[in-house]
Amino acid sequence: MEIHSMGEDAYEVIVQEQKFMVILDEGTYQELTKEKYSVNELIRGTFRFLVDREPLEQVMRKFNVRMVSSFFPEFPDKIEEYMED
């Protein structure tokens, strides 16, 4: 997995030759990591979490990490497990 900062809370993420645009604002980062993990660890963990629930091909090409819990309410409670892997 490659993660490239695009500025303004945007990250280009390349997974298995597929490109994604991920939005991660500072508030969401703080809320989900309590600064115990890096931005890259949170993004990697988010993809691990999502791929455990749906095929990579079904993950939205552009998404805001804040919105993941709209689809998967357990996300805030489970994300730390995925950052620790």
Protein backbone atom coordinates (compact mmCIF):
# COMPACT_ATOMS: atom_id res chain seq x y z
CA MET A 1 0.00 0.00 0.00
CA GLU A 2 1.32 3.41 -0.97
CA ILE A 3 0.07 6.57 0.73
CA HIS A 4 0.86 10.03 -0.63
CA SER A 5 -0.22 13.29 0.97
CA MET A 6 -1.92 15.55 -1.55
CA GLY A 7 -2.29 18.47 0.87
CA GLU A 8 -5.48 19.86 2.42
CA ASP A 9 -6.35 16.61 4.26
CA ALA A 10 -6.30 14.57 1.03
CA TYR A 11 -4.30 11.39 0.49
CA GLU A 12 -3.82 9.31 -2.62
CA VAL A 13 -3.76 5.65 -1.67
CA ILE A 14 -2.67 2.91 -4.05
CA VAL A 15 -3.69 -0.63 -3.17
CA GLN A 16 -3.10 -3.50 -5.58
CA GLU A 17 -2.68 -1.02 -8.46
CA GLN A 18 -6.02 0.64 -7.65
CA LYS A 19 -6.06 4.35 -6.75
CA PHE A 20 -8.19 5.88 -4.01
CA MET A 21 -8.58 9.43 -2.74
CA VAL A 22 -9.00 9.51 1.02
CA ILE A 23 -9.99 12.60 2.99
CA LEU A 24 -8.82 12.68 6.60
CA ASP A 25 -9.25 15.87 8.58
CA GLU A 26 -7.34 16.62 11.77
CA GLY A 27 -10.42 16.27 13.99
CA THR A 28 -11.19 12.79 12.71
CA TYR A 29 -7.55 11.79 13.04
CA GLN A 30 -7.45 12.99 16.68
CA GLU A 31 -10.77 11.35 17.53
CA LEU A 32 -9.85 7.94 16.10
CA THR A 33 -6.18 7.70 17.13
CA LYS A 34 -5.82 9.87 20.26
CA GLU A 35 -2.41 10.57 18.64
CA LYS A 36 -1.24 7.03 19.46
CA TYR A 37 -0.94 6.19 15.75
CA SER A 38 0.28 8.00 12.65
CA VAL A 39 -1.90 9.18 9.79
CA ASN A 40 -0.49 6.37 7.65
CA GLU A 41 -1.34 3.78 10.31
CA LEU A 42 -4.92 5.09 10.44
CA ILE A 43 -5.29 4.99 6.66
CA ARG A 44 -3.81 1.48 6.47
CA GLY A 45 -6.07 0.35 9.31
CA THR A 46 -9.09 1.87 7.59
CA PHE A 47 -8.41 -0.14 4.43
CA ARG A 48 -7.87 -3.33 6.43
CA PHE A 49 -11.17 -2.69 8.21
CA LEU A 50 -13.02 -2.07 4.93
CA VAL A 51 -11.56 -5.06 3.09
CA ASP A 52 -12.63 -7.30 5.98
CA ARG A 53 -16.18 -6.25 5.16
CA GLU A 54 -16.26 -5.91 1.38
CA PRO A 55 -14.03 -6.69 -1.61
CA LEU A 56 -11.48 -3.99 -2.44
CA GLU A 57 -13.27 -3.44 -5.76
CA GLN A 58 -16.36 -2.28 -3.85
CA VAL A 59 -14.54 0.28 -1.70
CA MET A 60 -15.44 3.79 -2.88
CA ARG A 61 -12.68 5.38 -4.94
CA LYS A 62 -13.05 8.62 -2.99
CA PHE A 63 -14.18 8.73 0.61
CA ASN A 64 -13.86 10.65 3.83
CA VAL A 65 -12.68 8.57 6.79
CA ARG A 66 -15.25 10.42 8.93
CA MET A 67 -18.04 8.85 6.84
CA VAL A 68 -16.94 5.22 7.24
CA SER A 69 -19.00 4.92 10.44
CA SER A 70 -22.11 5.93 8.45
CA PHE A 71 -21.80 2.62 6.61
CA PHE A 72 -20.15 0.62 9.39
CA PRO A 73 -21.25 1.90 12.83
CA GLU A 74 -18.68 -0.30 14.57
CA PHE A 75 -15.78 1.50 12.86
CA PRO A 76 -14.81 3.89 15.70
CA ASP A 77 -14.79 1.04 18.22
CA LYS A 78 -12.89 -1.40 16.00
CA ILE A 79 -10.34 0.76 14.15
CA GLU A 80 -7.65 0.52 16.82
CA GLU A 81 -7.51 -3.27 16.36
CA TYR A 82 -6.75 -2.70 12.68
CA MET A 83 -4.04 -0.13 13.35
CA GLU A 84 -2.26 -2.54 15.69
CA ASP A 85 -1.96 -5.36 13.12
